[in-house]
Amino acid sequence: MVILGYQISSREPYILVQHIAMRNQSIKFTGIRNGYKILTLCIFTFFPIWAYAQSTTPAQEVLEFYQKYMINCDHMFSSSAKKKRDGLFCNMNIGKYITKELHNKIISAYKSGTYSNLTGDRNYFTHTQDFDARWASFMSVTEIKADRNNSVIRLLMNFPKGAGEPLAVCVRLHRESSVWKIYQVDPSLYTDLPDCRDN
């Protein structure tokens, strides 16, 4: 006779206390202590991705854009391969780096024949006429002004010997959600080395 239980087909007594103990084991796995362990594991797994997405500074964004832009433009214009070319943006995903307003402004100026009013006879972003992928390693950035939603970055291009004099570009960025985007590159009207401290 089995008290507080019943017999299963293998003829061993199955006691209700064993059943309760087995259920407690399965509940223990999802208990509060293990819930904290699982939560901690998830946080440490996903935190690096979140931290990287949040940690891009305006200066890093400008340097990344200009290095990629210089390399892409050099490759596009020096390549003999026939392919669809976007000369204004060197076949880049430009929407990732500039605001929609700036994109529309450049396209509109190009289509209306007033692009030279924006740039003179130079490229809008680099203020150069030529591109060389090697120049990307000679670029450095300095944050001049910054607040919560706007930033001014000075990009300095120190060219290698024989390639020309140093050139600086003042880049203005605006935060869109959590992403910094270029909304203006100041024209260098009076000097090739502006300090970017003017409004």
N, C-alpha and C. Protein backbone atom coordinates (compact mmCIF):
# COMPACT_ATOMS: atom_id res chain seq x y z
N MET A 1 0.83 -1.17 0.00
CA MET A 1 0.00 0.00 0.00
C MET A 1 0.89 1.24 0.00
N VAL A 2 0.49 2.19 -0.83
CA VAL A 2 1.27 3.42 -0.94
C VAL A 2 0.41 4.55 -0.41
N ILE A 3 0.99 5.28 0.50
CA ILE A 3 0.25 6.40 1.08
C ILE A 3 0.62 7.67 0.31
N LEU A 4 -0.31 8.53 0.05
CA LEU A 4 -0.13 9.80 -0.68
C LEU A 4 0.49 9.58 -2.06
N GLY A 5 0.07 8.61 -2.76
CA GLY A 5 0.62 8.40 -4.08
C GLY A 5 -0.13 7.33 -4.81
N TYR A 6 0.47 6.88 -5.92
CA TYR A 6 -0.13 5.81 -6.69
C TYR A 6 1.00 5.04 -7.35
N GLN A 7 0.64 3.95 -7.94
CA GLN A 7 1.62 3.09 -8.54
C GLN A 7 1.59 3.28 -10.05
N ILE A 8 2.79 3.36 -10.67
CA ILE A 8 2.84 3.50 -12.12
C ILE A 8 3.09 2.14 -12.74
N SER A 9 3.18 2.07 -14.07
CA SER A 9 3.21 0.79 -14.76
C SER A 9 4.45 -0.03 -14.43
N SER A 10 5.54 0.57 -14.00
CA SER A 10 6.73 -0.23 -13.69
C SER A 10 6.64 -0.85 -12.30
N ARG A 11 5.53 -0.71 -11.68
CA ARG A 11 5.23 -1.28 -10.38
C ARG A 11 6.04 -0.67 -9.25
N GLU A 12 6.66 0.49 -9.51
CA GLU A 12 7.34 1.20 -8.41
C GLU A 12 6.39 2.25 -7.89
N PRO A 13 6.40 2.42 -6.62
CA PRO A 13 5.48 3.42 -6.07
C PRO A 13 5.90 4.84 -6.49
N TYR A 14 4.93 5.62 -6.87
CA TYR A 14 5.17 7.01 -7.24
C TYR A 14 4.52 7.85 -6.16
N ILE A 15 5.33 8.47 -5.41
CA ILE A 15 4.83 9.18 -4.25
C ILE A 15 4.61 10.65 -4.61
N LEU A 16 3.59 11.23 -4.09
CA LEU A 16 3.23 12.61 -4.37
C LEU A 16 4.35 13.57 -3.95
N VAL A 17 5.06 13.24 -2.91
CA VAL A 17 6.16 14.09 -2.44
C VAL A 17 7.24 14.17 -3.52
N GLN A 18 7.55 13.04 -4.19
CA GLN A 18 8.54 13.05 -5.27
C GLN A 18 8.06 13.94 -6.41
N HIS A 19 6.79 13.87 -6.72
CA HIS A 19 6.22 14.69 -7.79
C HIS A 19 6.38 16.18 -7.47
N ILE A 20 6.11 16.55 -6.24
CA ILE A 20 6.25 17.95 -5.84
C ILE A 20 7.71 18.36 -5.89
N ALA A 21 8.61 17.51 -5.46
CA ALA A 21 10.04 17.83 -5.49
C ALA A 21 10.52 18.02 -6.93
N MET A 22 10.05 17.19 -7.85
CA MET A 22 10.45 17.31 -9.25
C MET A 22 9.92 18.61 -9.84
N ARG A 23 8.73 19.01 -9.51
CA ARG A 23 8.18 20.27 -10.02
C ARG A 23 8.96 21.45 -9.49
N ASN A 24 9.41 21.39 -8.25
CA ASN A 24 10.19 22.48 -7.68
C ASN A 24 11.53 22.64 -8.40
N GLN A 25 12.10 21.55 -8.84
CA GLN A 25 13.37 21.62 -9.58
C GLN A 25 13.18 22.39 -10.89
N SER A 26 12.11 22.09 -11.60
CA SER A 26 11.89 22.78 -12.87
C SER A 26 11.57 24.25 -12.64
N ILE A 27 10.91 24.57 -11.58
CA ILE A 27 10.60 25.96 -11.27
C ILE A 27 11.86 26.70 -10.84
N LYS A 28 12.75 26.00 -10.14
CA LYS A 28 13.97 26.62 -9.67
C LYS A 28 14.80 27.18 -10.82
N PHE A 29 14.80 26.53 -11.95
CA PHE A 29 15.59 26.98 -13.09
C PHE A 29 15.15 28.35 -13.57
N THR A 30 13.87 28.62 -13.45
CA THR A 30 13.38 29.92 -13.88
C THR A 30 13.08 30.82 -12.69
N GLY A 31 13.61 30.49 -11.55
CA GLY A 31 13.38 31.30 -10.36
C GLY A 31 14.07 32.65 -10.46
N ILE A 32 13.92 33.44 -9.42
CA ILE A 32 14.43 34.80 -9.42
C ILE A 32 15.95 34.84 -9.56
N ARG A 33 16.66 33.98 -8.84
CA ARG A 33 18.14 34.00 -8.93
C ARG A 33 18.61 33.69 -10.33
N ASN A 34 18.05 32.67 -10.93
CA ASN A 34 18.46 32.32 -12.29
C ASN A 34 17.94 33.33 -13.29
N GLY A 35 16.83 33.96 -13.00
CA GLY A 35 16.33 35.04 -13.86
C GLY A 35 17.33 36.18 -13.92
N TYR A 36 17.92 36.51 -12.76
CA TYR A 36 18.95 37.55 -12.73
C TYR A 36 20.17 37.13 -13.54
N LYS A 37 20.52 35.85 -13.44
CA LYS A 37 21.67 35.36 -14.22
C LYS A 37 21.41 35.48 -15.72
N ILE A 38 20.21 35.10 -16.13
CA ILE A 38 19.86 35.18 -17.55
C ILE A 38 19.84 36.64 -18.00
N LEU A 39 19.26 37.52 -17.18
CA LEU A 39 19.23 38.94 -17.51
C LEU A 39 20.64 39.52 -17.62
N THR A 40 21.50 39.17 -16.68
CA THR A 40 22.89 39.64 -16.72
C THR A 40 23.60 39.15 -17.97
N LEU A 41 23.39 37.90 -18.31
CA LEU A 41 24.00 37.35 -19.52
C LEU A 41 23.54 38.10 -20.76
N CYS A 42 22.24 38.39 -20.84
CA CYS A 42 21.71 39.14 -21.99
C CYS A 42 22.30 40.54 -22.05
N ILE A 43 22.40 41.21 -20.91
CA ILE A 43 22.95 42.57 -20.89
C ILE A 43 24.39 42.56 -21.38
N PHE A 44 25.21 41.64 -20.88
CA PHE A 44 26.61 41.61 -21.31
C PHE A 44 26.77 41.16 -22.75
N THR A 45 25.82 40.40 -23.25
CA THR A 45 25.88 39.98 -24.65
C THR A 45 25.53 41.12 -25.58
N PHE A 46 24.49 41.87 -25.27
CA PHE A 46 24.02 42.92 -26.17
C PHE A 46 24.59 44.30 -25.87
N PHE A 47 25.21 44.49 -24.71
CA PHE A 47 25.74 45.80 -24.35
C PHE A 47 26.81 46.31 -25.30
N PRO A 48 27.78 45.50 -25.72
CA PRO A 48 28.80 46.03 -26.63
C PRO A 48 28.21 46.58 -27.92
N ILE A 49 27.19 45.96 -28.47
CA ILE A 49 26.56 46.44 -29.70
C ILE A 49 25.89 47.78 -29.43
N TRP A 50 25.17 47.88 -28.33
CA TRP A 50 24.49 49.12 -27.99
C TRP A 50 25.49 50.22 -27.70
N ALA A 51 26.56 49.91 -26.98
CA ALA A 51 27.56 50.92 -26.63
C ALA A 51 28.25 51.43 -27.88
N TYR A 52 28.54 50.54 -28.83
CA TYR A 52 29.19 51.00 -30.06
C TYR A 52 28.28 51.93 -30.85
N ALA A 53 27.01 51.58 -30.91
CA ALA A 53 26.07 52.41 -31.67
C ALA A 53 25.91 53.78 -31.03
N GLN A 54 26.03 53.88 -29.72
CA GLN A 54 25.84 55.14 -29.03
C GLN A 54 27.13 55.94 -28.90
N SER A 55 28.29 55.36 -29.16
CA SER A 55 29.54 56.03 -28.83
C SER A 55 30.20 56.74 -30.00
N THR A 56 29.61 56.77 -31.17
CA THR A 56 30.22 57.46 -32.29
C THR A 56 30.11 58.96 -32.07
N THR A 57 31.26 59.61 -32.00
CA THR A 57 31.28 61.06 -31.79
C THR A 57 31.23 61.77 -33.14
N PRO A 58 30.92 63.06 -33.14
CA PRO A 58 30.93 63.80 -34.41
C PRO A 58 32.30 63.75 -35.09
N ALA A 59 33.36 63.84 -34.32
CA ALA A 59 34.70 63.80 -34.90
C ALA A 59 34.97 62.45 -35.57
N GLN A 60 34.57 61.37 -34.92
CA GLN A 60 34.75 60.04 -35.52
C GLN A 60 33.93 59.90 -36.79
N GLU A 61 32.72 60.44 -36.78
CA GLU A 61 31.85 60.37 -37.95
C GLU A 61 32.47 61.11 -39.14
N VAL A 62 33.02 62.30 -38.87
CA VAL A 62 33.65 63.09 -39.94
C VAL A 62 34.87 62.38 -40.49
N LEU A 63 35.72 61.87 -39.61
CA LEU A 63 36.93 61.19 -40.07
C LEU A 63 36.58 59.95 -40.89
N GLU A 64 35.61 59.17 -40.42
CA GLU A 64 35.19 57.97 -41.17
C GLU A 64 34.67 58.35 -42.55
N PHE A 65 33.82 59.38 -42.61
CA PHE A 65 33.26 59.80 -43.89
C PHE A 65 34.36 60.25 -44.85
N TYR A 66 35.22 61.12 -44.39
CA TYR A 66 36.23 61.69 -45.29
C TYR A 66 37.23 60.65 -45.77
N GLN A 67 37.61 59.74 -44.91
CA GLN A 67 38.53 58.68 -45.35
C GLN A 67 37.88 57.80 -46.41
N LYS A 68 36.64 57.39 -46.17
CA LYS A 68 35.93 56.56 -47.16
C LYS A 68 35.70 57.34 -48.45
N TYR A 69 35.34 58.60 -48.32
CA TYR A 69 35.05 59.43 -49.49
C TYR A 69 36.30 59.60 -50.35
N MET A 70 37.42 59.89 -49.73
CA MET A 70 38.67 60.07 -50.47
C MET A 70 39.06 58.77 -51.19
N ILE A 71 38.95 57.66 -50.51
CA ILE A 71 39.32 56.36 -51.11
C ILE A 71 38.37 56.01 -52.24
N ASN A 72 37.05 56.18 -52.02
CA ASN A 72 36.07 55.86 -53.08
C ASN A 72 36.25 56.76 -54.29
N CYS A 73 36.46 58.05 -54.07
CA CYS A 73 36.63 58.97 -55.20
C CYS A 73 37.88 58.63 -55.99
N ASP A 74 38.97 58.33 -55.28
CA ASP A 74 40.21 57.96 -55.98
C ASP A 74 39.99 56.71 -56.81
N HIS A 75 39.34 55.72 -56.21
CA HIS A 75 39.10 54.46 -56.92
C HIS A 75 38.18 54.67 -58.13
N MET A 76 37.15 55.48 -57.95
CA MET A 76 36.19 55.70 -59.03
C MET A 76 36.82 56.42 -60.21
N PHE A 77 37.59 57.47 -59.93
CA PHE A 77 38.14 58.26 -61.03
C PHE A 77 39.40 57.66 -61.64
N SER A 78 40.10 56.79 -60.90
CA SER A 78 41.30 56.18 -61.46
C SER A 78 41.01 54.82 -62.09
N SER A 79 39.84 54.27 -61.83
CA SER A 79 39.48 52.96 -62.37
C SER A 79 39.12 53.09 -63.85
N SER A 80 39.63 52.16 -64.63
CA SER A 80 39.30 52.18 -66.06
C SER A 80 38.04 51.38 -66.36
N ALA A 81 37.51 50.72 -65.35
CA ALA A 81 36.31 49.90 -65.56
C ALA A 81 35.12 50.79 -65.85
N LYS A 82 34.32 50.39 -66.80
CA LYS A 82 33.11 51.13 -67.15
C LYS A 82 32.00 50.71 -66.18
N LYS A 83 31.51 51.66 -65.44
CA LYS A 83 30.42 51.36 -64.52
C LYS A 83 29.62 52.63 -64.30
N LYS A 84 28.45 52.47 -63.74
CA LYS A 84 27.63 53.64 -63.46
C LYS A 84 28.34 54.48 -62.41
N ARG A 85 28.56 55.74 -62.74
CA ARG A 85 29.32 56.59 -61.83
C ARG A 85 28.45 57.70 -61.28
N ASP A 86 28.57 57.92 -60.01
CA ASP A 86 27.92 59.03 -59.34
C ASP A 86 29.02 59.99 -58.93
N GLY A 87 29.37 60.90 -59.81
CA GLY A 87 30.51 61.78 -59.60
C GLY A 87 30.36 62.72 -58.42
N LEU A 88 29.14 63.08 -58.09
CA LEU A 88 28.94 63.99 -56.96
C LEU A 88 29.28 63.33 -55.63
N PHE A 89 28.97 62.06 -55.50
CA PHE A 89 29.13 61.40 -54.22
C PHE A 89 30.02 60.16 -54.29
N CYS A 90 30.72 59.99 -55.37
CA CYS A 90 31.72 58.91 -55.52
C CYS A 90 31.16 57.52 -55.21
N ASN A 91 29.95 57.26 -55.65
CA ASN A 91 29.30 55.95 -55.47
C ASN A 91 29.17 55.53 -54.01
N MET A 92 29.08 56.49 -53.10
CA MET A 92 28.93 56.17 -51.68
C MET A 92 27.46 56.20 -51.28
N ASN A 93 27.15 55.53 -50.20
CA ASN A 93 25.83 55.64 -49.58
C ASN A 93 25.83 56.95 -48.79
N ILE A 94 25.70 58.04 -49.48
CA ILE A 94 25.89 59.37 -48.90
C ILE A 94 24.83 59.72 -47.86
N GLY A 95 23.65 59.11 -47.96
CA GLY A 95 22.58 59.38 -47.01
C GLY A 95 22.92 58.99 -45.59
N LYS A 96 23.89 58.11 -45.43
CA LYS A 96 24.33 57.71 -44.09
C LYS A 96 25.10 58.83 -43.40
N TYR A 97 25.70 59.72 -44.18
CA TYR A 97 26.60 60.72 -43.62
C TYR A 97 26.10 62.16 -43.69
N ILE A 98 25.23 62.49 -44.64
CA ILE A 98 24.78 63.88 -44.76
C ILE A 98 23.26 63.96 -44.61
N THR A 99 22.80 65.15 -44.25
CA THR A 99 21.36 65.34 -44.09
C THR A 99 20.67 65.34 -45.45
N LYS A 100 19.40 65.07 -45.42
CA LYS A 100 18.61 65.07 -46.65
C LYS A 100 18.60 66.47 -47.28
N GLU A 101 18.59 67.51 -46.46
CA GLU A 101 18.59 68.88 -46.96
C GLU A 101 19.86 69.19 -47.74
N LEU A 102 21.02 68.78 -47.19
CA LEU A 102 22.28 69.01 -47.90
C LEU A 102 22.33 68.21 -49.19
N HIS A 103 21.85 66.99 -49.15
CA HIS A 103 21.81 66.15 -50.34
C HIS A 103 20.99 66.83 -51.43
N ASN A 104 19.81 67.30 -51.06
CA ASN A 104 18.94 67.99 -52.03
C ASN A 104 19.57 69.27 -52.55
N LYS A 105 20.25 70.00 -51.68
CA LYS A 105 20.91 71.25 -52.07
C LYS A 105 21.99 71.00 -53.12
N ILE A 106 22.80 69.97 -52.92
CA ILE A 106 23.87 69.65 -53.87
C ILE A 106 23.28 69.18 -55.20
N ILE A 107 22.30 68.29 -55.14
CA ILE A 107 21.66 67.79 -56.36
C ILE A 107 21.02 68.93 -57.14
N SER A 108 20.31 69.80 -56.43
CA SER A 108 19.63 70.92 -57.08
C SER A 108 20.64 71.87 -57.73
N ALA A 109 21.73 72.17 -57.04
CA ALA A 109 22.76 73.06 -57.60
C ALA A 109 23.41 72.43 -58.83
N TYR A 110 23.60 71.12 -58.78
CA TYR A 110 24.22 70.43 -59.91
C TYR A 110 23.29 70.45 -61.13
N LYS A 111 22.01 70.17 -60.90
CA LYS A 111 21.05 70.13 -62.01
C LYS A 111 20.79 71.51 -62.62
N SER A 112 20.84 72.54 -61.78
CA SER A 112 20.57 73.89 -62.28
C SER A 112 21.81 74.58 -62.85
N GLY A 113 22.96 73.92 -62.75
CA GLY A 113 24.19 74.50 -63.28
C GLY A 113 24.85 75.51 -62.35
N THR A 114 24.43 75.53 -61.09
CA THR A 114 25.02 76.47 -60.13
C THR A 114 25.91 75.77 -59.10
N TYR A 115 26.37 74.57 -59.42
CA TYR A 115 27.22 73.81 -58.49
C TYR A 115 28.49 74.58 -58.17
N SER A 116 29.03 75.30 -59.14
CA SER A 116 30.27 76.05 -58.91
C SER A 116 30.04 77.20 -57.92
N ASN A 117 28.80 77.65 -57.76
CA ASN A 117 28.52 78.67 -56.75
C ASN A 117 28.72 78.12 -55.34
N LEU A 118 28.49 76.82 -55.17
CA LEU A 118 28.70 76.18 -53.87
C LEU A 118 30.18 75.92 -53.62
N THR A 119 30.91 75.59 -54.67
CA THR A 119 32.24 75.02 -54.47
C THR A 119 33.37 75.74 -55.19
N GLY A 120 33.07 76.66 -56.06
CA GLY A 120 34.12 77.19 -56.92
C GLY A 120 34.43 76.11 -57.93
N ASP A 121 35.68 75.82 -58.14
CA ASP A 121 36.05 74.75 -59.07
C ASP A 121 36.57 73.53 -58.32
N ARG A 122 36.13 73.36 -57.09
CA ARG A 122 36.60 72.26 -56.25
C ARG A 122 35.44 71.35 -55.86
N ASN A 123 35.80 70.24 -55.23
CA ASN A 123 34.80 69.32 -54.69
C ASN A 123 34.17 69.94 -53.45
N TYR A 124 32.87 69.77 -53.29
CA TYR A 124 32.16 70.37 -52.15
C TYR A 124 32.71 69.91 -50.81
N PHE A 125 32.98 68.63 -50.67
CA PHE A 125 33.38 68.08 -49.38
C PHE A 125 34.86 68.27 -49.07
N THR A 126 35.72 68.07 -50.04
CA THR A 126 37.16 68.09 -49.77
C THR A 126 37.84 69.40 -50.12
N HIS A 127 37.19 70.24 -50.93
CA HIS A 127 37.79 71.48 -51.42
C HIS A 127 39.06 71.21 -52.22
N THR A 128 39.11 70.06 -52.85
CA THR A 128 40.24 69.71 -53.73
C THR A 128 39.69 69.40 -55.12
N GLN A 129 40.62 69.35 -56.08
CA GLN A 129 40.24 68.95 -57.43
C GLN A 129 40.62 67.51 -57.70
N ASP A 130 41.55 67.01 -56.93
CA ASP A 130 42.06 65.66 -57.13
C ASP A 130 41.78 64.80 -55.90
N PHE A 131 41.91 63.50 -56.11
CA PHE A 131 41.72 62.54 -55.02
C PHE A 131 42.87 61.55 -55.04
N ASP A 132 43.30 61.13 -53.87
CA ASP A 132 44.33 60.11 -53.75
C ASP A 132 44.03 59.31 -52.49
N ALA A 133 43.88 58.01 -52.63
CA ALA A 133 43.54 57.15 -51.48
C ALA A 133 44.59 57.24 -50.38
N ARG A 134 45.84 57.52 -50.75
CA ARG A 134 46.91 57.61 -49.73
C ARG A 134 46.69 58.80 -48.81
N TRP A 135 45.98 59.82 -49.27
CA TRP A 135 45.75 61.00 -48.44
C TRP A 135 44.87 60.69 -47.24
N ALA A 136 44.10 59.63 -47.31
CA ALA A 136 43.19 59.29 -46.21
C ALA A 136 43.94 59.08 -44.90
N SER A 137 45.16 58.58 -44.97
CA SER A 137 45.92 58.34 -43.75
C SER A 137 46.56 59.61 -43.19
N PHE A 138 46.47 60.72 -43.90
CA PHE A 138 47.03 61.99 -43.44
C PHE A 138 45.96 62.93 -42.90
N MET A 139 44.78 62.41 -42.63
CA MET A 139 43.67 63.23 -42.14
C MET A 139 43.59 63.15 -40.62
N SER A 140 43.26 64.29 -40.01
CA SER A 140 43.02 64.33 -38.57
C SER A 140 41.87 65.29 -38.30
N VAL A 141 41.19 65.10 -37.19
CA VAL A 141 40.02 65.92 -36.86
C VAL A 141 40.17 66.54 -35.47
N THR A 142 39.57 67.71 -35.32
CA THR A 142 39.52 68.41 -34.04
C THR A 142 38.11 68.95 -33.85
N GLU A 143 37.55 68.69 -32.68
CA GLU A 143 36.23 69.25 -32.40
C GLU A 143 36.41 70.69 -31.92
N ILE A 144 35.79 71.63 -32.64
CA ILE A 144 35.92 73.05 -32.32
C ILE A 144 34.80 73.50 -31.39
N LYS A 145 33.57 73.19 -31.74
CA LYS A 145 32.40 73.55 -30.93
C LYS A 145 31.48 72.34 -30.87
N ALA A 146 30.79 72.22 -29.75
CA ALA A 146 29.83 71.13 -29.66
C ALA A 146 28.78 71.46 -28.60
N ASP A 147 27.58 71.09 -28.88
CA ASP A 147 26.52 71.08 -27.88
C ASP A 147 25.74 69.79 -28.08
N ARG A 148 24.59 69.71 -27.49
CA ARG A 148 23.84 68.45 -27.52
C ARG A 148 23.47 68.00 -28.93
N ASN A 149 23.15 68.95 -29.82
CA ASN A 149 22.64 68.58 -31.14
C ASN A 149 23.46 69.09 -32.31
N ASN A 150 24.45 69.93 -32.08
CA ASN A 150 25.25 70.48 -33.17
C ASN A 150 26.73 70.40 -32.82
N SER A 151 27.54 70.32 -33.86
CA SER A 151 28.98 70.23 -33.66
C SER A 151 29.69 70.82 -34.87
N VAL A 152 30.85 71.42 -34.61
CA VAL A 152 31.72 71.92 -35.68
C VAL A 152 33.05 71.19 -35.55
N ILE A 153 33.44 70.55 -36.63
CA ILE A 153 34.67 69.76 -36.67
C ILE A 153 35.61 70.35 -37.71
N ARG A 154 36.88 70.46 -37.35
CA ARG A 154 37.90 70.90 -38.30
C ARG A 154 38.66 69.67 -38.77
N LEU A 155 38.58 69.41 -40.07
CA LEU A 155 39.31 68.30 -40.67
C LEU A 155 40.57 68.87 -41.30
N LEU A 156 41.72 68.38 -40.89
CA LEU A 156 43.00 68.83 -41.43
C LEU A 156 43.58 67.72 -42.29
N MET A 157 43.93 68.07 -43.51
CA MET A 157 44.58 67.13 -44.42
C MET A 157 46.02 67.58 -44.61
N ASN A 158 46.95 66.89 -43.98
CA ASN A 158 48.38 67.13 -44.17
C ASN A 158 48.83 66.19 -45.27
N PHE A 159 49.03 66.71 -46.44
CA PHE A 159 49.39 65.87 -47.58
C PHE A 159 50.85 65.45 -47.49
N PRO A 160 51.21 64.32 -48.08
CA PRO A 160 52.62 63.90 -48.10
C PRO A 160 53.45 64.90 -48.91
N LYS A 161 54.75 64.84 -48.70
CA LYS A 161 55.67 65.75 -49.40
C LYS A 161 55.46 65.68 -50.90
N GLY A 162 55.38 66.84 -51.50
CA GLY A 162 55.23 66.92 -52.95
C GLY A 162 53.79 66.86 -53.43
N ALA A 163 52.84 66.61 -52.52
CA ALA A 163 51.44 66.49 -52.93
C ALA A 163 50.68 67.80 -52.73
N GLY A 164 51.26 68.75 -52.06
CA GLY A 164 50.59 70.03 -51.86
C GLY A 164 50.65 70.50 -50.43
N GLU A 165 50.16 71.72 -50.24
CA GLU A 165 50.14 72.34 -48.92
C GLU A 165 48.98 71.77 -48.10
N PRO A 166 49.08 71.84 -46.77
CA PRO A 166 47.97 71.37 -45.93
C PRO A 166 46.68 72.12 -46.24
N LEU A 167 45.58 71.44 -45.98
CA LEU A 167 44.26 71.99 -46.27
C LEU A 167 43.32 71.63 -45.12
N ALA A 168 42.52 72.59 -44.68
CA ALA A 168 41.55 72.31 -43.61
C ALA A 168 40.14 72.58 -44.13
N VAL A 169 39.20 71.84 -43.60
CA VAL A 169 37.80 71.97 -43.98
C VAL A 169 36.98 72.05 -42.69
N CYS A 170 36.05 72.99 -42.64
CA CYS A 170 35.14 73.13 -41.49
C CYS A 170 33.85 72.38 -41.80
N VAL A 171 33.55 71.39 -40.99
CA VAL A 171 32.39 70.53 -41.22
C VAL A 171 31.40 70.74 -40.07
N ARG A 172 30.16 71.01 -40.43
CA ARG A 172 29.11 71.24 -39.43
C ARG A 172 28.16 70.05 -39.43
N LEU A 173 27.89 69.54 -38.23
CA LEU A 173 27.03 68.37 -38.08
C LEU A 173 25.84 68.67 -37.19
N HIS A 174 24.79 67.91 -37.43
CA HIS A 174 23.57 67.99 -36.63
C HIS A 174 23.18 66.57 -36.25
N ARG A 175 22.70 66.41 -35.02
CA ARG A 175 22.28 65.09 -34.57
C ARG A 175 20.85 64.82 -35.04
N GLU A 176 20.67 63.69 -35.74
CA GLU A 176 19.35 63.22 -36.13
C GLU A 176 19.12 61.92 -35.39
N SER A 177 18.24 61.95 -34.40
CA SER A 177 18.03 60.84 -33.47
C SER A 177 19.34 60.60 -32.74
N SER A 178 19.99 59.47 -32.96
CA SER A 178 21.27 59.21 -32.30
C SER A 178 22.43 59.24 -33.29
N VAL A 179 22.20 59.73 -34.50
CA VAL A 179 23.22 59.71 -35.55
C VAL A 179 23.62 61.14 -35.90
N TRP A 180 24.93 61.37 -36.00
CA TRP A 180 25.45 62.67 -36.42
C TRP A 180 25.55 62.70 -37.93
N LYS A 181 25.01 63.79 -38.54
CA LYS A 181 25.07 63.92 -40.00
C LYS A 181 25.57 65.31 -40.38
N ILE A 182 26.31 65.36 -41.47
CA ILE A 182 26.85 66.62 -41.97
C ILE A 182 25.72 67.42 -42.60
N TYR A 183 25.58 68.68 -42.19
CA TYR A 183 24.58 69.54 -42.83
C TYR A 183 25.22 70.67 -43.61
N GLN A 184 26.53 70.89 -43.42
CA GLN A 184 27.20 71.94 -44.18
C GLN A 184 28.71 71.76 -44.10
N VAL A 185 29.37 72.04 -45.22
CA VAL A 185 30.83 72.16 -45.24
C VAL A 185 31.10 73.59 -45.65
N ASP A 186 31.75 74.34 -44.75
CA ASP A 186 31.98 75.76 -45.01
C ASP A 186 32.90 75.94 -46.21
N PRO A 187 32.57 76.86 -47.09
CA PRO A 187 33.48 77.14 -48.21
C PRO A 187 34.73 77.85 -47.68
N SER A 188 35.87 77.52 -48.23
CA SER A 188 37.12 78.17 -47.80
C SER A 188 37.41 79.31 -48.77
N LEU A 189 36.81 80.45 -48.49
CA LEU A 189 36.90 81.59 -49.40
C LEU A 189 38.22 82.33 -49.29
N TYR A 190 38.73 82.49 -48.07
CA TYR A 190 39.89 83.36 -47.88
C TYR A 190 41.17 82.62 -47.55
N THR A 191 41.06 81.42 -47.04
CA THR A 191 42.26 80.68 -46.65
C THR A 191 42.01 79.18 -46.80
N ASP A 192 43.08 78.45 -47.05
CA ASP A 192 42.96 76.99 -47.12
C ASP A 192 43.11 76.36 -45.74
N LEU A 193 43.38 77.18 -44.72
CA LEU A 193 43.51 76.67 -43.35
C LEU A 193 42.62 77.45 -42.39
N PRO A 194 41.31 77.38 -42.57
CA PRO A 194 40.42 78.10 -41.64
C PRO A 194 40.49 77.49 -40.25
N ASP A 195 40.23 78.32 -39.23
CA ASP A 195 40.26 77.80 -37.86
C ASP A 195 38.88 77.29 -37.40
N CYS A 196 37.85 77.54 -38.20
CA CYS A 196 36.49 77.04 -37.95
C CYS A 196 35.84 77.64 -36.71
N ARG A 197 36.34 78.75 -36.23
CA ARG A 197 35.78 79.38 -35.03
C ARG A 197 34.74 80.43 -35.35
N ASP A 198 34.58 80.78 -36.61
CA ASP A 198 33.56 81.76 -37.00
C ASP A 198 32.20 81.08 -37.01
N ASN A 199 31.14 81.88 -36.91
CA ASN A 199 29.79 81.31 -36.98
C ASN A 199 29.53 80.94 -38.36
